[in-house]
Amino acid sequence: MDSKRKDDKSRLIELKDQPGKRRDELIAEVAAMPAMTGASVAIEFDRSTFGDLSLTEAVALLKEKVSAVQGGDLREAEALLISQAVALNSIFTNLSRKAVNEQYLNHLDTFMRIALKAQSQCRATLETLAAIKNPPIVYARQANIAQQQQVNNGVAAPTRADAYAGNSDFRQNELLEVSHGERLDSAPTGATSARDPALAPVGKVHGAENA
């Protein structure tokens, strides 16, 4: 860093002492401020166009812009986005025109890739601006616990835990029954077969009378 840059007071910020804070604490807080970091970068890039700018004035101006956005005033943000979109489109147009006049394929490829990157950034900037002007509608789906309950009309299958616990008394599947104590096969009891007259039909409750 040359002596001119060392003596350049535009890169220095004026700090006012605050009661109860040491000097190093105050410097650390100012260095971490978003307005400070943004302003310090901006004045370095704008130096070739506007000359030496006051860092203190730049930080104060940027803090005003931040306060406006925090208060809901997005006009500055909208102006910034549309300005950037126009600048990006100018980069795309300029590089595309240079690519047309290139005779070597590698030069043409380089210009076109950078041009299309600028075009993509321009599109993204305009999409961001459109989202600010017309925020997307968010549909919040309300959870209805009563409707999300699982209804199980059947009988749960026996689990391995039940088998380990020795619980083998599982309920019969009620879907096989017409009503309590009756099966789907409600046909009348048939007569004893002629081939084996000793075989009697099973009784309804206590089994066959002739064992």
C-alpha atoms as a PDB file:
ATOM      1  CA  MET A   1       0.000   0.000   0.000  1.00  0.00           C
ATOM      2  CA  ASP A   2       1.546   3.329  -1.046  1.00  0.00           C
ATOM      3  CA  SER A   3       1.729   6.445   1.108  1.00  0.00           C
ATOM      4  CA  LYS A   4      -1.170   8.061  -0.707  1.00  0.00           C
ATOM      5  CA  ARG A   5      -3.509   5.212   0.244  1.00  0.00           C
ATOM      6  CA  LYS A   6      -2.201   5.316   3.815  1.00  0.00           C
ATOM      7  CA  ASP A   7      -2.984   9.014   4.112  1.00  0.00           C
ATOM      8  CA  ASP A   8      -6.347   8.686   2.356  1.00  0.00           C
ATOM      9  CA  LYS A   9      -8.848   9.623   5.061  1.00  0.00           C
ATOM     10  CA  SER A  10     -11.783   8.669   2.847  1.00  0.00           C
ATOM     11  CA  ARG A  11     -11.116   5.036   3.795  1.00  0.00           C
ATOM     12  CA  LEU A  12     -11.370   5.831   7.489  1.00  0.00           C
ATOM     13  CA  ILE A  13     -14.602   6.013   9.447  1.00  0.00           C
ATOM     14  CA  GLU A  14     -15.294   8.406  12.237  1.00  0.00           C
ATOM     15  CA  LEU A  15     -16.150   6.733  15.518  1.00  0.00           C
ATOM     16  CA  LYS A  16     -17.786   8.398  18.471  1.00  0.00           C
ATOM     17  CA  ASP A  17     -17.002   7.123  21.913  1.00  0.00           C
ATOM     18  CA  GLN A  18     -19.920   5.541  23.756  1.00  0.00           C
ATOM     19  CA  PRO A  19     -20.134   5.310  27.526  1.00  0.00           C
ATOM     20  CA  GLY A  20     -19.474   1.852  28.891  1.00  0.00           C
ATOM     21  CA  LYS A  21     -17.767   0.532  25.720  1.00  0.00           C
ATOM     22  CA  ARG A  22     -14.092   0.181  25.089  1.00  0.00           C
ATOM     23  CA  ARG A  23     -12.559   1.432  21.878  1.00  0.00           C
ATOM     24  CA  ASP A  24     -11.804  -2.046  20.557  1.00  0.00           C
ATOM     25  CA  GLU A  25     -15.391  -3.198  21.243  1.00  0.00           C
ATOM     26  CA  LEU A  26     -16.766  -0.238  19.324  1.00  0.00           C
ATOM     27  CA  ILE A  27     -14.457  -0.912  16.385  1.00  0.00           C
ATOM     28  CA  ALA A  28     -15.508  -4.590  16.302  1.00  0.00           C
ATOM     29  CA  GLU A  29     -19.213  -3.666  16.281  1.00  0.00           C
ATOM     30  CA  VAL A  30     -18.756  -1.164  13.452  1.00  0.00           C
ATOM     31  CA  ALA A  31     -16.658  -3.605  11.406  1.00  0.00           C
ATOM     32  CA  ALA A  32     -19.419  -6.242  11.654  1.00  0.00           C
ATOM     33  CA  MET A  33     -22.258  -3.892  10.652  1.00  0.00           C
ATOM     34  CA  PRO A  34     -23.878  -4.834   7.320  1.00  0.00           C
ATOM     35  CA  ALA A  35     -23.883  -1.181   6.308  1.00  0.00           C
ATOM     36  CA  MET A  36     -20.152  -0.978   6.977  1.00  0.00           C
ATOM     37  CA  THR A  37     -19.235  -4.062   4.960  1.00  0.00           C
ATOM     38  CA  GLY A  38     -21.461  -3.043   2.049  1.00  0.00           C
ATOM     39  CA  ALA A  39     -20.248   0.544   1.964  1.00  0.00           C
ATOM     40  CA  SER A  40     -16.572  -0.412   2.165  1.00  0.00           C
ATOM     41  CA  VAL A  41     -16.904  -2.651  -0.894  1.00  0.00           C
ATOM     42  CA  ALA A  42     -19.018  -0.137  -2.818  1.00  0.00           C
ATOM     43  CA  ILE A  43     -16.597   2.782  -2.474  1.00  0.00           C
ATOM     44  CA  GLU A  44     -13.686   0.616  -3.682  1.00  0.00           C
ATOM     45  CA  PHE A  45     -15.506  -0.373  -6.866  1.00  0.00           C
ATOM     46  CA  ASP A  46     -16.886   3.145  -7.410  1.00  0.00           C
ATOM     47  CA  ARG A  47     -13.516   4.833  -6.946  1.00  0.00           C
ATOM     48  CA  SER A  48     -12.616   4.674 -10.644  1.00  0.00           C
ATOM     49  CA  THR A  49     -15.887   6.382 -11.563  1.00  0.00           C
ATOM     50  CA  PHE A  50     -16.576   8.806  -8.716  1.00  0.00           C
ATOM     51  CA  GLY A  51     -13.147   9.230  -7.171  1.00  0.00           C
ATOM     52  CA  ASP A  52     -12.515   9.111  -3.426  1.00  0.00           C
ATOM     53  CA  LEU A  53     -15.713   8.757  -1.425  1.00  0.00           C
ATOM     54  CA  SER A  54     -16.160   9.238   2.298  1.00  0.00           C
ATOM     55  CA  LEU A  55     -16.606   5.923   4.046  1.00  0.00           C
ATOM     56  CA  THR A  56     -18.454   7.622   6.907  1.00  0.00           C
ATOM     57  CA  GLU A  57     -20.948   9.235   4.536  1.00  0.00           C
ATOM     58  CA  ALA A  58     -21.378   6.013   2.598  1.00  0.00           C
ATOM     59  CA  VAL A  59     -22.153   4.049   5.769  1.00  0.00           C
ATOM     60  CA  ALA A  60     -24.655   6.677   6.926  1.00  0.00           C
ATOM     61  CA  LEU A  61     -26.416   6.637   3.541  1.00  0.00           C
ATOM     62  CA  LEU A  62     -26.550   2.866   3.447  1.00  0.00           C
ATOM     63  CA  LYS A  63     -27.994   2.735   6.957  1.00  0.00           C
ATOM     64  CA  GLU A  64     -30.818   5.018   5.801  1.00  0.00           C
ATOM     65  CA  LYS A  65     -31.569   2.684   2.901  1.00  0.00           C
ATOM     66  CA  VAL A  66     -31.571  -0.333   5.233  1.00  0.00           C
ATOM     67  CA  SER A  67     -33.977   1.427   7.610  1.00  0.00           C
ATOM     68  CA  ALA A  68     -36.322   2.214   4.708  1.00  0.00           C
ATOM     69  CA  VAL A  69     -36.456  -1.437   3.630  1.00  0.00           C
ATOM     70  CA  GLN A  70     -36.988  -2.594   7.199  1.00  0.00           C
ATOM     71  CA  GLY A  71     -39.899  -0.174   7.401  1.00  0.00           C
ATOM     72  CA  GLY A  72     -41.537  -1.773   4.356  1.00  0.00           C
ATOM     73  CA  ASP A  73     -40.448   0.733   1.699  1.00  0.00           C
ATOM     74  CA  LEU A  74     -39.188  -1.422  -1.191  1.00  0.00           C
ATOM     75  CA  ARG A  75     -38.973   1.292  -3.830  1.00  0.00           C
ATOM     76  CA  GLU A  76     -35.183   1.447  -3.541  1.00  0.00           C
ATOM     77  CA  ALA A  77     -34.923  -2.329  -3.905  1.00  0.00           C
ATOM     78  CA  GLU A  78     -37.183  -2.289  -6.958  1.00  0.00           C
ATOM     79  CA  ALA A  79     -35.125   0.477  -8.568  1.00  0.00           C
ATOM     80  CA  LEU A  80     -31.937  -1.459  -7.849  1.00  0.00           C
ATOM     81  CA  LEU A  81     -33.241  -4.658  -9.397  1.00  0.00           C
ATOM     82  CA  ILE A  82     -34.521  -3.078 -12.590  1.00  0.00           C
ATOM     83  CA  SER A  83     -31.240  -1.148 -12.965  1.00  0.00           C
ATOM     84  CA  GLN A  84     -29.231  -4.338 -12.564  1.00  0.00           C
ATOM     85  CA  ALA A  85     -31.438  -6.148 -15.067  1.00  0.00           C
ATOM     86  CA  VAL A  86     -30.809  -3.428 -17.656  1.00  0.00           C
ATOM     87  CA  ALA A  87     -27.048  -3.547 -16.993  1.00  0.00           C
ATOM     88  CA  LEU A  88     -26.974  -7.345 -17.295  1.00  0.00           C
ATOM     89  CA  ASN A  89     -28.884  -7.174 -20.550  1.00  0.00           C
ATOM     90  CA  SER A  90     -26.313  -4.671 -21.858  1.00  0.00           C
ATOM     91  CA  ILE A  91     -23.522  -7.125 -20.981  1.00  0.00           C
ATOM     92  CA  PHE A  92     -25.383  -9.901 -22.782  1.00  0.00           C
ATOM     93  CA  THR A  93     -25.906  -7.758 -25.884  1.00  0.00           C
ATOM     94  CA  ASN A  94     -22.301  -6.525 -26.009  1.00  0.00           C
ATOM     95  CA  LEU A  95     -20.751  -9.970 -25.632  1.00  0.00           C
ATOM     96  CA  SER A  96     -23.144 -11.513 -28.143  1.00  0.00           C
ATOM     97  CA  ARG A  97     -22.142  -8.939 -30.729  1.00  0.00           C
ATOM     98  CA  LYS A  98     -18.469  -9.633 -30.078  1.00  0.00           C
ATOM     99  CA  ALA A  99     -19.042 -13.370 -30.448  1.00  0.00           C
ATOM    100  CA  VAL A 100     -20.549 -12.896 -33.913  1.00  0.00           C
ATOM    101  CA  ASN A 101     -17.369 -11.280 -35.219  1.00  0.00           C
ATOM    102  CA  GLU A 102     -15.016 -13.934 -33.805  1.00  0.00           C
ATOM    103  CA  GLN A 103     -13.299 -16.248 -36.257  1.00  0.00           C
ATOM    104  CA  TYR A 104     -11.924 -18.702 -33.729  1.00  0.00           C
ATOM    105  CA  LEU A 105     -14.245 -21.183 -32.129  1.00  0.00           C
ATOM    106  CA  ASN A 106     -12.706 -20.980 -28.659  1.00  0.00           C
ATOM    107  CA  HIS A 107     -13.105 -17.188 -28.586  1.00  0.00           C
ATOM    108  CA  LEU A 108     -16.680 -17.449 -29.798  1.00  0.00           C
ATOM    109  CA  ASP A 109     -17.429 -20.084 -27.156  1.00  0.00           C
ATOM    110  CA  THR A 110     -15.962 -17.928 -24.375  1.00  0.00           C
ATOM    111  CA  PHE A 111     -17.938 -14.841 -25.349  1.00  0.00           C
ATOM    112  CA  MET A 112     -21.183 -16.763 -25.756  1.00  0.00           C
ATOM    113  CA  ARG A 113     -20.863 -18.586 -22.430  1.00  0.00           C
ATOM    114  CA  ILE A 114     -20.324 -15.329 -20.551  1.00  0.00           C
ATOM    115  CA  ALA A 115     -23.110 -13.669 -22.540  1.00  0.00           C
ATOM    116  CA  LEU A 116     -25.576 -16.422 -21.663  1.00  0.00           C
ATOM    117  CA  LYS A 117     -24.549 -16.236 -17.997  1.00  0.00           C
ATOM    118  CA  ALA A 118     -25.380 -12.521 -18.043  1.00  0.00           C
ATOM    119  CA  GLN A 119     -28.691 -13.306 -19.731  1.00  0.00           C
ATOM    120  CA  SER A 120     -29.482 -15.905 -17.048  1.00  0.00           C
ATOM    121  CA  GLN A 121     -28.680 -13.432 -14.281  1.00  0.00           C
ATOM    122  CA  CYS A 122     -30.860 -10.826 -15.980  1.00  0.00           C
ATOM    123  CA  ARG A 123     -33.776 -13.263 -16.054  1.00  0.00           C
ATOM    124  CA  ALA A 124     -33.254 -14.191 -12.389  1.00  0.00           C
ATOM    125  CA  THR A 125     -33.149 -10.507 -11.438  1.00  0.00           C
ATOM    126  CA  LEU A 126     -36.428  -9.833 -13.226  1.00  0.00           C
ATOM    127  CA  GLU A 127     -38.009 -12.870 -11.546  1.00  0.00           C
ATOM    128  CA  THR A 128     -36.960 -11.496  -8.167  1.00  0.00           C
ATOM    129  CA  LEU A 129     -38.471  -8.125  -9.041  1.00  0.00           C
ATOM    130  CA  ALA A 130     -41.714  -9.793 -10.129  1.00  0.00           C
ATOM    131  CA  ALA A 131     -41.836 -11.731  -6.849  1.00  0.00           C
ATOM    132  CA  ILE A 132     -41.504  -8.473  -4.902  1.00  0.00           C
ATOM    133  CA  LYS A 133     -44.230  -6.768  -6.914  1.00  0.00           C
ATOM    134  CA  ASN A 134     -46.552  -9.788  -6.882  1.00  0.00           C
ATOM    135  CA  PRO A 135     -45.704 -12.101  -3.981  1.00  0.00           C
ATOM    136  CA  PRO A 136     -46.684 -15.736  -4.594  1.00  0.00           C
ATOM    137  CA  ILE A 137     -49.711 -17.017  -2.727  1.00  0.00           C
ATOM    138  CA  VAL A 138     -48.851 -19.650  -0.139  1.00  0.00           C
ATOM    139  CA  TYR A 139     -51.617 -22.130   0.607  1.00  0.00           C
ATOM    140  CA  ALA A 140     -51.287 -23.354   4.185  1.00  0.00           C
ATOM    141  CA  ARG A 141     -52.750 -26.821   4.548  1.00  0.00           C
ATOM    142  CA  GLN A 142     -54.381 -27.154   7.962  1.00  0.00           C
ATOM    143  CA  ALA A 143     -53.905 -30.537   9.552  1.00  0.00           C
ATOM    144  CA  ASN A 144     -57.202 -32.099  10.532  1.00  0.00           C
ATOM    145  CA  ILE A 145     -56.330 -34.733  13.060  1.00  0.00           C
ATOM    146  CA  ALA A 146     -59.873 -36.161  13.141  1.00  0.00           C
ATOM    147  CA  GLN A 147     -59.784 -36.861   9.396  1.00  0.00           C
ATOM    148  CA  GLN A 148     -56.247 -38.200   9.445  1.00  0.00           C
ATOM    149  CA  GLN A 149     -57.012 -40.933  11.962  1.00  0.00           C
ATOM    150  CA  GLN A 150     -56.680 -44.377  10.459  1.00  0.00           C
ATOM    151  CA  VAL A 151     -59.877 -46.385  10.651  1.00  0.00           C
ATOM    152  CA  ASN A 152     -59.228 -50.110  10.834  1.00  0.00           C
ATOM    153  CA  ASN A 153     -62.434 -52.170  10.679  1.00  0.00           C
ATOM    154  CA  GLY A 154     -60.582 -55.449  10.345  1.00  0.00           C
ATOM    155  CA  VAL A 155     -58.661 -57.379  12.957  1.00  0.00           C
ATOM    156  CA  ALA A 156     -54.988 -56.670  13.343  1.00  0.00           C
ATOM    157  CA  ALA A 157     -52.704 -59.536  12.430  1.00  0.00           C
ATOM    158  CA  PRO A 158     -50.811 -61.141  15.315  1.00  0.00           C
ATOM    159  CA  THR A 159     -47.437 -59.592  15.860  1.00  0.00           C
ATOM    160  CA  ARG A 160     -44.167 -61.249  16.763  1.00  0.00           C
ATOM    161  CA  ALA A 161     -44.354 -59.613  20.175  1.00  0.00           C
ATOM    162  CA  ASP A 162     -47.652 -61.338  20.835  1.00  0.00           C
ATOM    163  CA  ALA A 163     -46.118 -64.683  19.922  1.00  0.00           C
ATOM    164  CA  TYR A 164     -43.182 -64.117  22.246  1.00  0.00           C
ATOM    165  CA  ALA A 165     -45.533 -63.110  25.043  1.00  0.00           C
ATOM    166  CA  GLY A 166     -47.471 -66.348  24.657  1.00  0.00           C
ATOM    167  CA  ASN A 167     -50.644 -64.566  23.669  1.00  0.00           C
ATOM    168  CA  SER A 168     -52.118 -67.082  21.240  1.00  0.00           C
ATOM    169  CA  ASP A 169     -55.746 -66.225  21.955  1.00  0.00           C
ATOM    170  CA  PHE A 170     -56.272 -64.117  18.842  1.00  0.00           C
ATOM    171  CA  ARG A 171     -59.720 -62.977  17.857  1.00  0.00           C
ATOM    172  CA  GLN A 172     -61.332 -64.650  14.906  1.00  0.00           C
ATOM    173  CA  ASN A 173     -61.828 -62.644  11.785  1.00  0.00           C
ATOM    174  CA  GLU A 174     -65.281 -61.124  12.120  1.00  0.00           C
ATOM    175  CA  LEU A 175     -65.517 -60.671   8.360  1.00  0.00           C
ATOM    176  CA  LEU A 176     -66.171 -64.417   8.059  1.00  0.00           C
ATOM    177  CA  GLU A 177     -69.274 -64.157  10.226  1.00  0.00           C
ATOM    178  CA  VAL A 178     -72.727 -62.936   9.295  1.00  0.00           C
ATOM    179  CA  SER A 179     -73.530 -62.153  12.892  1.00  0.00           C
ATOM    180  CA  HIS A 180     -72.281 -63.189  16.288  1.00  0.00           C
ATOM    181  CA  GLY A 181     -71.956 -67.004  16.458  1.00  0.00           C
ATOM    182  CA  GLU A 182     -72.987 -67.635  12.827  1.00  0.00           C
ATOM    183  CA  ARG A 183     -70.855 -68.371   9.774  1.00  0.00           C
ATOM    184  CA  LEU A 184     -71.392 -67.177   6.241  1.00  0.00           C
ATOM    185  CA  ASP A 185     -72.519 -70.690   5.270  1.00  0.00           C
ATOM    186  CA  SER A 186     -76.086 -70.530   6.605  1.00  0.00           C
ATOM    187  CA  ALA A 187     -77.414 -73.530   4.613  1.00  0.00           C
ATOM    188  CA  PRO A 188     -79.443 -76.181   6.569  1.00  0.00           C
ATOM    189  CA  THR A 189     -77.651 -79.194   8.042  1.00  0.00           C
ATOM    190  CA  GLY A 190     -77.560 -82.124   5.623  1.00  0.00           C
ATOM    191  CA  ALA A 191     -78.725 -85.694   6.347  1.00  0.00           C
ATOM    192  CA  THR A 192     -76.409 -88.507   7.407  1.00  0.00           C
ATOM    193  CA  SER A 193     -74.597 -90.162   4.506  1.00  0.00           C
ATOM    194  CA  ALA A 194     -75.830 -93.657   3.579  1.00  0.00           C
ATOM    195  CA  ARG A 195     -72.265 -94.980   3.380  1.00  0.00           C
ATOM    196  CA  ASP A 196     -71.525 -94.183   7.021  1.00  0.00           C
ATOM    197  CA  PRO A 197     -74.782 -94.030   9.003  1.00  0.00           C
ATOM    198  CA  ALA A 198     -72.853 -93.837  12.277  1.00  0.00           C
ATOM    199  CA  LEU A 199     -71.470 -90.470  11.311  1.00  0.00           C
ATOM    200  CA  ALA A 200     -73.993 -87.935  12.554  1.00  0.00           C
ATOM    201  CA  PRO A 201     -73.926 -84.207  11.821  1.00  0.00           C
ATOM    202  CA  VAL A 202     -72.353 -81.995  14.466  1.00  0.00           C
ATOM    203  CA  GLY A 203     -74.801 -80.342  16.804  1.00  0.00           C
ATOM    204  CA  LYS A 204     -75.152 -76.602  17.069  1.00  0.00           C
ATOM    205  CA  VAL A 205     -73.616 -76.275  20.541  1.00  0.00           C
ATOM    206  CA  HIS A 206     -72.622 -79.551  22.256  1.00  0.00           C
ATOM    207  CA  GLY A 207     -71.660 -81.642  19.195  1.00  0.00           C
ATOM    208  CA  ALA A 208     -73.139 -84.978  18.129  1.00  0.00           C
ATOM    209  CA  GLU A 209     -75.377 -86.774  20.581  1.00  0.00           C
ATOM    210  CA  ASN A 210     -73.903 -90.197  19.700  1.00  0.00           C
ATOM    211  CA  ALA A 211     -70.191 -89.953  20.354  1.00  0.00           C
END
